[in-house]
Amino acid sequence: MKRRILMSYRYQEDVVKPIAKFLGISPEELTEILIRRLDMAGLEALHPRMMQANRECLEKRIELELNLCTLSDFLSLLSSEEKEKIREEIGRMIDEGRSYKEIIEEGKKMILKILRGERR
């Protein structure tokens, strides 16, 4: 039963192949590892968790590239409210399916508007 779940197209494309590629192992080897290490409940929850993890990791990468932590927490150039507003906008753009590059460019524009006092 576990193997059948892991061999489904969605699990292969969204979970098994990306993790196997990252670890530098074959999808078959990763499948065996997952079968050994996860019970049925964990296995069934694996796909939604992976989708959530992908989104959260993408949000964090964007925040790092935009230097939101530095600009807000260390340099105090952005208030925590402004930082949160930018983060919410990033989430909205991700939901819209915009490209990483486009989100970064829009994020930079938002930061500059705030720093220039054009938007509060």
Protein backbone atom coordinates (compact mmCIF):
# COMPACT_ATOMS: atom_id res chain seq x y z
CA MET A 1 0.00 0.00 0.00
CA LYS A 2 2.80 2.44 0.91
CA ARG A 3 4.62 1.67 -2.33
CA ARG A 4 1.46 2.29 -4.37
CA ILE A 5 1.04 5.73 -2.78
CA LEU A 6 4.68 6.64 -3.39
CA MET A 7 4.54 5.43 -6.99
CA SER A 8 1.58 7.67 -7.86
CA TYR A 9 2.36 10.40 -10.36
CA ARG A 10 1.83 13.29 -7.93
CA TYR A 11 4.03 11.81 -5.22
CA GLN A 12 6.74 10.99 -7.75
CA GLU A 13 6.76 14.46 -9.32
CA ASP A 14 6.21 16.57 -6.20
CA VAL A 15 7.99 14.60 -3.49
CA VAL A 16 10.12 11.62 -4.48
CA LYS A 17 12.02 12.96 -7.50
CA PRO A 18 12.89 16.40 -6.03
CA ILE A 19 14.10 14.95 -2.71
CA ALA A 20 16.01 12.13 -4.43
CA LYS A 21 17.69 14.63 -6.74
CA PHE A 22 18.64 16.85 -3.79
CA LEU A 23 20.09 13.89 -1.88
CA GLY A 24 21.85 12.53 -4.98
CA ILE A 25 20.14 9.15 -4.81
CA SER A 26 17.76 7.29 -7.08
CA PRO A 27 14.00 7.70 -6.66
CA GLU A 28 13.83 3.96 -5.98
CA GLU A 29 16.25 4.24 -3.05
CA LEU A 30 14.33 7.18 -1.61
CA THR A 31 11.08 5.23 -1.98
CA GLU A 32 12.57 2.40 0.10
CA ILE A 33 13.76 4.88 2.74
CA LEU A 34 10.32 6.49 2.98
CA ILE A 35 8.61 3.10 3.25
CA ARG A 36 10.94 2.15 6.11
CA ARG A 37 10.79 5.44 8.00
CA LEU A 38 7.15 6.53 7.68
CA ASP A 39 3.93 4.96 8.87
CA MET A 40 0.77 5.25 6.73
CA ALA A 41 -0.38 8.47 8.39
CA GLY A 42 3.01 10.10 7.86
CA LEU A 43 3.12 8.88 4.30
CA GLU A 44 -0.34 10.21 3.48
CA ALA A 45 0.57 13.59 4.98
CA LEU A 46 3.87 13.75 3.09
CA HIS A 47 2.54 15.39 -0.09
CA PRO A 48 0.62 18.26 1.59
CA ARG A 49 3.56 18.86 3.92
CA MET A 50 5.93 19.02 0.98
CA MET A 51 3.70 21.56 -0.78
CA GLN A 52 3.56 23.70 2.37
CA ALA A 53 7.32 23.39 2.87
CA ASN A 54 7.99 24.48 -0.72
CA ARG A 55 5.90 27.61 -0.24
CA GLU A 56 7.45 28.50 3.12
CA CYS A 57 10.97 27.95 1.81
CA LEU A 58 10.21 30.11 -1.22
CA GLU A 59 8.92 32.90 1.04
CA LYS A 60 12.07 32.68 3.18
CA ARG A 61 14.37 32.75 0.12
CA ILE A 62 12.58 35.85 -1.15
CA GLU A 63 12.80 37.53 2.27
CA LEU A 64 16.53 36.78 2.38
CA GLU A 65 17.13 38.08 -1.12
CA LEU A 66 15.23 41.27 -0.32
CA ASN A 67 17.25 41.65 2.92
CA LEU A 68 14.06 42.28 4.91
CA CYS A 69 15.69 41.06 8.11
CA THR A 70 18.64 43.44 7.72
CA LEU A 71 16.53 46.42 6.66
CA SER A 72 13.99 45.93 9.44
CA ASP A 73 15.52 44.13 12.39
CA PHE A 74 19.08 45.46 12.28
CA LEU A 75 19.07 48.78 10.43
CA SER A 76 15.54 49.81 11.47
CA LEU A 77 14.92 51.29 8.03
CA LEU A 78 11.61 49.41 7.82
CA SER A 79 9.17 49.10 10.70
CA SER A 80 7.92 45.66 11.64
CA GLU A 81 4.53 46.68 10.21
CA GLU A 82 6.11 47.67 6.89
CA LYS A 83 8.08 44.43 6.82
CA GLU A 84 4.91 42.44 7.49
CA LYS A 85 3.06 44.32 4.73
CA ILE A 86 5.82 43.40 2.28
CA ARG A 87 5.70 39.76 3.43
CA GLU A 88 1.93 39.67 2.89
CA GLU A 89 2.35 41.10 -0.59
CA ILE A 90 5.00 38.47 -1.34
CA GLY A 91 2.54 35.77 -0.24
CA ARG A 92 -0.13 37.21 -2.51
CA MET A 93 2.25 37.25 -5.48
CA ILE A 94 3.23 33.63 -4.81
CA ASP A 95 -0.46 32.68 -4.73
CA GLU A 96 -0.90 34.42 -8.10
CA GLY A 97 1.86 32.23 -9.52
CA ARG A 98 4.25 35.04 -10.36
CA SER A 99 7.85 34.16 -11.15
CA TYR A 100 10.60 34.38 -8.55
CA LYS A 101 12.36 37.11 -10.54
CA GLU A 102 9.17 39.17 -10.84
CA ILE A 103 8.48 38.87 -7.11
CA ILE A 104 12.02 40.04 -6.29
CA GLU A 105 11.70 43.04 -8.62
CA GLU A 106 8.30 44.01 -7.20
CA GLY A 107 9.63 43.56 -3.66
CA LYS A 108 12.54 45.89 -4.35
CA LYS A 109 10.16 48.49 -5.76
CA MET A 110 7.96 48.24 -2.66
CA ILE A 111 10.97 48.67 -0.37
CA LEU A 112 12.19 51.72 -2.29
CA LYS A 113 8.75 53.34 -2.19
CA ILE A 114 8.65 52.91 1.57
CA LEU A 115 12.22 54.17 2.06
CA ARG A 116 11.54 57.20 -0.14
CA GLY A 117 8.38 57.95 1.80
CA GLU A 118 6.14 57.40 -1.20
CA ARG A 119 4.09 54.73 0.55
CA ARG A 120 3.42 54.12 4.21
